[in-house]
Amino acid sequence: MNRRNFLYSGGMLAALTASPAMAMDVIVGHKKPERGIQLYMVKEDMERDPAGTLKQLGAMGYT
């Protein structure tokens, strides 16, 4: 087994181990999945109207 395969296998094992626990919290309703956005994506809009831009992003479901 080379280094690349070892790292890939370890990453997949970690992801698969954590996935059911995170999914169960969402299914059971313990927490709502949060979405985020980097404001650099809306840089021009933030320069023109910061409050309005944040309000629109909030309406889209971003936190």
PDB file of N, CA and C in Angstrom:
ATOM      1  N   MET A   1       0.858  -1.166   0.000  1.00  0.00           N
ATOM      2  CA  MET A   1       0.000   0.000   0.000  1.00  0.00           C
ATOM      3  C   MET A   1       0.909   1.235   0.000  1.00  0.00           C
ATOM      4  N   ASN A   2       0.667   2.102  -0.956  1.00  0.00           N
ATOM      5  CA  ASN A   2       1.470   3.321  -1.003  1.00  0.00           C
ATOM      6  C   ASN A   2       0.815   4.428  -0.173  1.00  0.00           C
ATOM      7  N   ARG A   3       1.508   5.531  -0.057  1.00  0.00           N
ATOM      8  CA  ARG A   3       1.051   6.637   0.788  1.00  0.00           C
ATOM      9  C   ARG A   3      -0.294   7.189   0.322  1.00  0.00           C
ATOM     10  N   ARG A   4      -0.463   7.338  -0.978  1.00  0.00           N
ATOM     11  CA  ARG A   4      -1.704   7.896  -1.511  1.00  0.00           C
ATOM     12  C   ARG A   4      -2.899   7.011  -1.156  1.00  0.00           C
ATOM     13  N   ASN A   5      -2.761   5.714  -1.338  1.00  0.00           N
ATOM     14  CA  ASN A   5      -3.854   4.797  -0.999  1.00  0.00           C
ATOM     15  C   ASN A   5      -4.135   4.796   0.499  1.00  0.00           C
ATOM     16  N   PHE A   6      -3.072   4.874   1.297  1.00  0.00           N
ATOM     17  CA  PHE A   6      -3.243   4.904   2.744  1.00  0.00           C
ATOM     18  C   PHE A   6      -4.030   6.139   3.174  1.00  0.00           C
ATOM     19  N   LEU A   7      -3.654   7.301   2.666  1.00  0.00           N
ATOM     20  CA  LEU A   7      -4.355   8.539   3.022  1.00  0.00           C
ATOM     21  C   LEU A   7      -5.793   8.527   2.518  1.00  0.00           C
ATOM     22  N   TYR A   8      -6.004   8.018   1.321  1.00  0.00           N
ATOM     23  CA  TYR A   8      -7.354   7.934   0.766  1.00  0.00           C
ATOM     24  C   TYR A   8      -8.222   7.018   1.632  1.00  0.00           C
ATOM     25  N   SER A   9      -7.684   5.853   1.976  1.00  0.00           N
ATOM     26  CA  SER A   9      -8.441   4.899   2.789  1.00  0.00           C
ATOM     27  C   SER A   9      -8.753   5.474   4.165  1.00  0.00           C
ATOM     28  N   GLY A  10      -7.779   6.149   4.762  1.00  0.00           N
ATOM     29  CA  GLY A  10      -8.009   6.757   6.070  1.00  0.00           C
ATOM     30  C   GLY A  10      -9.060   7.848   6.021  1.00  0.00           C
ATOM     31  N   GLY A  11      -9.023   8.660   4.985  1.00  0.00           N
ATOM     32  CA  GLY A  11     -10.021   9.718   4.832  1.00  0.00           C
ATOM     33  C   GLY A  11     -11.413   9.163   4.614  1.00  0.00           C
ATOM     34  N   MET A  12     -11.508   8.138   3.799  1.00  0.00           N
ATOM     35  CA  MET A  12     -12.815   7.519   3.552  1.00  0.00           C
ATOM     36  C   MET A  12     -13.361   6.875   4.822  1.00  0.00           C
ATOM     37  N   LEU A  13     -12.499   6.211   5.577  1.00  0.00           N
ATOM     38  CA  LEU A  13     -12.927   5.591   6.826  1.00  0.00           C
ATOM     39  C   LEU A  13     -13.439   6.643   7.807  1.00  0.00           C
ATOM     40  N   ALA A  14     -12.738   7.754   7.916  1.00  0.00           N
ATOM     41  CA  ALA A  14     -13.169   8.826   8.815  1.00  0.00           C
ATOM     42  C   ALA A  14     -14.504   9.417   8.372  1.00  0.00           C
ATOM     43  N   ALA A  15     -14.657   9.635   7.075  1.00  0.00           N
ATOM     44  CA  ALA A  15     -15.907  10.208   6.560  1.00  0.00           C
ATOM     45  C   ALA A  15     -17.075   9.253   6.768  1.00  0.00           C
ATOM     46  N   LEU A  16     -16.860   7.986   6.492  1.00  0.00           N
ATOM     47  CA  LEU A  16     -17.936   7.007   6.649  1.00  0.00           C
ATOM     48  C   LEU A  16     -18.292   6.779   8.109  1.00  0.00           C
ATOM     49  N   THR A  17     -17.332   6.923   8.985  1.00  0.00           N
ATOM     50  CA  THR A  17     -17.594   6.761  10.412  1.00  0.00           C
ATOM     51  C   THR A  17     -18.426   7.924  10.945  1.00  0.00           C
ATOM     52  N   ALA A  18     -18.173   9.129  10.481  1.00  0.00           N
ATOM     53  CA  ALA A  18     -18.867  10.318  10.986  1.00  0.00           C
ATOM     54  C   ALA A  18     -20.214  10.546  10.303  1.00  0.00           C
ATOM     55  N   SER A  19     -20.391  10.059   9.107  1.00  0.00           N
ATOM     56  CA  SER A  19     -21.603  10.340   8.330  1.00  0.00           C
ATOM     57  C   SER A  19     -22.898   9.925   9.017  1.00  0.00           C
ATOM     58  N   PRO A  20     -23.025   8.696   9.519  1.00  0.00           N
ATOM     59  CA  PRO A  20     -24.306   8.307  10.126  1.00  0.00           C
ATOM     60  C   PRO A  20     -24.692   9.169  11.316  1.00  0.00           C
ATOM     61  N   ALA A  21     -23.732   9.543  12.138  1.00  0.00           N
ATOM     62  CA  ALA A  21     -24.045  10.357  13.312  1.00  0.00           C
ATOM     63  C   ALA A  21     -24.538  11.738  12.905  1.00  0.00           C
ATOM     64  N   MET A  22     -23.882  12.341  11.925  1.00  0.00           N
ATOM     65  CA  MET A  22     -24.303  13.670  11.479  1.00  0.00           C
ATOM     66  C   MET A  22     -25.659  13.601  10.788  1.00  0.00           C
ATOM     67  N   ALA A  23     -25.887  12.573   9.997  1.00  0.00           N
ATOM     68  CA  ALA A  23     -27.161  12.438   9.296  1.00  0.00           C
ATOM     69  C   ALA A  23     -28.294  12.186  10.281  1.00  0.00           C
ATOM     70  N   MET A  24     -28.041  11.420  11.311  1.00  0.00           N
ATOM     71  CA  MET A  24     -29.087  11.100  12.279  1.00  0.00           C
ATOM     72  C   MET A  24     -29.545  12.345  13.023  1.00  0.00           C
ATOM     73  N   ASP A  25     -28.637  13.245  13.355  1.00  0.00           N
ATOM     74  CA  ASP A  25     -29.032  14.487  14.022  1.00  0.00           C
ATOM     75  C   ASP A  25     -30.001  15.280  13.158  1.00  0.00           C
ATOM     76  N   VAL A  26     -29.766  15.318  11.866  1.00  0.00           N
ATOM     77  CA  VAL A  26     -30.631  16.061  10.957  1.00  0.00           C
ATOM     78  C   VAL A  26     -31.970  15.354  10.808  1.00  0.00           C
ATOM     79  N   ILE A  27     -31.949  14.030  10.676  1.00  0.00           N
ATOM     80  CA  ILE A  27     -33.185  13.261  10.483  1.00  0.00           C
ATOM     81  C   ILE A  27     -34.076  13.356  11.711  1.00  0.00           C
ATOM     82  N   VAL A  28     -33.504  13.203  12.883  1.00  0.00           N
ATOM     83  CA  VAL A  28     -34.273  13.229  14.119  1.00  0.00           C
ATOM     84  C   VAL A  28     -34.749  14.633  14.441  1.00  0.00           C
ATOM     85  N   GLY A  29     -34.106  15.612  13.889  1.00  0.00           N
ATOM     86  CA  GLY A  29     -34.532  16.986  14.103  1.00  0.00           C
ATOM     87  C   GLY A  29     -33.780  17.697  15.202  1.00  0.00           C
ATOM     88  N   HIS A  30     -32.660  17.140  15.620  1.00  0.00           N
ATOM     89  CA  HIS A  30     -31.900  17.795  16.677  1.00  0.00           C
ATOM     90  C   HIS A  30     -31.290  19.107  16.231  1.00  0.00           C
ATOM     91  N   LYS A  31     -30.892  19.154  15.008  1.00  0.00           N
ATOM     92  CA  LYS A  31     -30.338  20.421  14.541  1.00  0.00           C
ATOM     93  C   LYS A  31     -30.593  20.570  13.050  1.00  0.00           C
ATOM     94  N   LYS A  32     -30.747  21.782  12.660  1.00  0.00           N
ATOM     95  CA  LYS A  32     -30.982  22.112  11.261  1.00  0.00           C
ATOM     96  C   LYS A  32     -29.628  22.289  10.579  1.00  0.00           C
ATOM     97  N   PRO A  33     -29.462  21.722   9.402  1.00  0.00           N
ATOM     98  CA  PRO A  33     -28.179  21.932   8.727  1.00  0.00           C
ATOM     99  C   PRO A  33     -27.974  23.414   8.416  1.00  0.00           C
ATOM    100  N   GLU A  34     -26.810  23.912   8.765  1.00  0.00           N
ATOM    101  CA  GLU A  34     -26.518  25.322   8.539  1.00  0.00           C
ATOM    102  C   GLU A  34     -25.826  25.504   7.202  1.00  0.00           C
ATOM    103  N   ARG A  35     -26.161  26.573   6.551  1.00  0.00           N
ATOM    104  CA  ARG A  35     -25.504  26.921   5.298  1.00  0.00           C
ATOM    105  C   ARG A  35     -24.785  28.236   5.503  1.00  0.00           C
ATOM    106  N   GLY A  36     -23.671  28.374   4.885  1.00  0.00           N
ATOM    107  CA  GLY A  36     -22.919  29.614   4.981  1.00  0.00           C
ATOM    108  C   GLY A  36     -22.497  30.081   3.604  1.00  0.00           C
ATOM    109  N   ILE A  37     -22.088  31.307   3.536  1.00  0.00           N
ATOM    110  CA  ILE A  37     -21.635  31.864   2.266  1.00  0.00           C
ATOM    111  C   ILE A  37     -20.461  32.789   2.558  1.00  0.00           C
ATOM    112  N   GLN A  38     -19.525  32.817   1.655  1.00  0.00           N
ATOM    113  CA  GLN A  38     -18.427  33.763   1.774  1.00  0.00           C
ATOM    114  C   GLN A  38     -18.871  35.058   1.104  1.00  0.00           C
ATOM    115  N   LEU A  39     -18.803  36.138   1.836  1.00  0.00           N
ATOM    116  CA  LEU A  39     -19.323  37.403   1.326  1.00  0.00           C
ATOM    117  C   LEU A  39     -18.530  37.937   0.145  1.00  0.00           C
ATOM    118  N   TYR A  40     -17.365  37.366  -0.114  1.00  0.00           N
ATOM    119  CA  TYR A  40     -16.602  37.781  -1.291  1.00  0.00           C
ATOM    120  C   TYR A  40     -17.400  37.498  -2.564  1.00  0.00           C
ATOM    121  N   MET A  41     -18.255  36.479  -2.503  1.00  0.00           N
ATOM    122  CA  MET A  41     -19.061  36.123  -3.674  1.00  0.00           C
ATOM    123  C   MET A  41     -20.062  37.222  -4.026  1.00  0.00           C
ATOM    124  N   VAL A  42     -20.436  38.017  -3.058  1.00  0.00           N
ATOM    125  CA  VAL A  42     -21.404  39.095  -3.292  1.00  0.00           C
ATOM    126  C   VAL A  42     -20.766  40.448  -2.961  1.00  0.00           C
ATOM    127  N   LYS A  43     -19.498  40.563  -3.278  1.00  0.00           N
ATOM    128  CA  LYS A  43     -18.707  41.745  -2.910  1.00  0.00           C
ATOM    129  C   LYS A  43     -19.322  43.044  -3.425  1.00  0.00           C
ATOM    130  N   GLU A  44     -19.676  43.076  -4.702  1.00  0.00           N
ATOM    131  CA  GLU A  44     -20.229  44.305  -5.280  1.00  0.00           C
ATOM    132  C   GLU A  44     -21.567  44.664  -4.644  1.00  0.00           C
ATOM    133  N   ASP A  45     -22.394  43.650  -4.387  1.00  0.00           N
ATOM    134  CA  ASP A  45     -23.687  43.907  -3.750  1.00  0.00           C
ATOM    135  C   ASP A  45     -23.504  44.424  -2.322  1.00  0.00           C
ATOM    136  N   MET A  46     -22.511  43.889  -1.614  1.00  0.00           N
ATOM    137  CA  MET A  46     -22.247  44.343  -0.250  1.00  0.00           C
ATOM    138  C   MET A  46     -21.769  45.790  -0.229  1.00  0.00           C
ATOM    139  N   GLU A  47     -21.021  46.189  -1.248  1.00  0.00           N
ATOM    140  CA  GLU A  47     -20.552  47.577  -1.310  1.00  0.00           C
ATOM    141  C   GLU A  47     -21.717  48.530  -1.552  1.00  0.00           C
ATOM    142  N   ARG A  48     -22.681  48.112  -2.376  1.00  0.00           N
ATOM    143  CA  ARG A  48     -23.821  48.973  -2.702  1.00  0.00           C
ATOM    144  C   ARG A  48     -24.845  49.030  -1.579  1.00  0.00           C
ATOM    145  N   ASP A  49     -25.241  47.855  -1.060  1.00  0.00           N
ATOM    146  CA  ASP A  49     -26.310  47.805  -0.061  1.00  0.00           C
ATOM    147  C   ASP A  49     -26.072  46.629   0.893  1.00  0.00           C
ATOM    148  N   PRO A  50     -25.250  46.831   1.934  1.00  0.00           N
ATOM    149  CA  PRO A  50     -24.930  45.714   2.827  1.00  0.00           C
ATOM    150  C   PRO A  50     -26.154  45.118   3.530  1.00  0.00           C
ATOM    151  N   ALA A  51     -27.014  45.960   4.066  1.00  0.00           N
ATOM    152  CA  ALA A  51     -28.177  45.456   4.801  1.00  0.00           C
ATOM    153  C   ALA A  51     -29.124  44.696   3.878  1.00  0.00           C
ATOM    154  N   GLY A  52     -29.371  45.242   2.704  1.00  0.00           N
ATOM    155  CA  GLY A  52     -30.259  44.579   1.753  1.00  0.00           C
ATOM    156  C   GLY A  52     -29.694  43.261   1.257  1.00  0.00           C
ATOM    157  N   THR A  53     -28.382  43.227   1.039  1.00  0.00           N
ATOM    158  CA  THR A  53     -27.739  41.997   0.579  1.00  0.00           C
ATOM    159  C   THR A  53     -27.857  40.910   1.634  1.00  0.00           C
ATOM    160  N   LEU A  54     -27.580  41.257   2.890  1.00  0.00           N
ATOM    161  CA  LEU A  54     -27.685  40.270   3.965  1.00  0.00           C
ATOM    162  C   LEU A  54     -29.120  39.802   4.151  1.00  0.00           C
ATOM    163  N   LYS A  55     -30.071  40.701   3.959  1.00  0.00           N
ATOM    164  CA  LYS A  55     -31.483  40.327   4.075  1.00  0.00           C
ATOM    165  C   LYS A  55     -31.859  39.331   2.979  1.00  0.00           C
ATOM    166  N   GLN A  56     -31.398  39.573   1.753  1.00  0.00           N
ATOM    167  CA  GLN A  56     -31.681  38.654   0.649  1.00  0.00           C
ATOM    168  C   GLN A  56     -31.026  37.297   0.882  1.00  0.00           C
ATOM    169  N   LEU A  57     -29.795  37.300   1.368  1.00  0.00           N
ATOM    170  CA  LEU A  57     -29.116  36.035   1.650  1.00  0.00           C
ATOM    171  C   LEU A  57     -29.845  35.264   2.747  1.00  0.00           C
ATOM    172  N   GLY A  58     -30.328  35.969   3.755  1.00  0.00           N
ATOM    173  CA  GLY A  58     -31.097  35.325   4.813  1.00  0.00           C
ATOM    174  C   GLY A  58     -32.386  34.723   4.295  1.00  0.00           C
ATOM    175  N   ALA A  59     -33.034  35.403   3.354  1.00  0.00           N
ATOM    176  CA  ALA A  59     -34.265  34.878   2.761  1.00  0.00           C
ATOM    177  C   ALA A  59     -34.000  33.610   1.953  1.00  0.00           C
ATOM    178  N   MET A  60     -32.775  33.471   1.439  1.00  0.00           N
ATOM    179  CA  MET A  60     -32.404  32.271   0.684  1.00  0.00           C
ATOM    180  C   MET A  60     -32.032  31.109   1.595  1.00  0.00           C
ATOM    181  N   GLY A  61     -31.928  31.366   2.895  1.00  0.00           N
ATOM    182  CA  GLY A  61     -31.625  30.294   3.831  1.00  0.00           C
ATOM    183  C   GLY A  61     -30.216  30.295   4.375  1.00  0.00           C
ATOM    184  N   TYR A  62     -29.419  31.271   3.983  1.00  0.00           N
ATOM    185  CA  TYR A  62     -28.055  31.335   4.499  1.00  0.00           C
ATOM    186  C   TYR A  62     -28.061  31.918   5.894  1.00  0.00           C
ATOM    187  N   THR A  63     -27.153  31.429   6.738  1.00  0.00           N
ATOM    188  CA  THR A  63     -27.084  31.901   8.124  1.00  0.00           C
ATOM    189  C   THR A  63     -25.793  32.645   8.361  1.00  0.00           C
TER     190      THR A  63
END
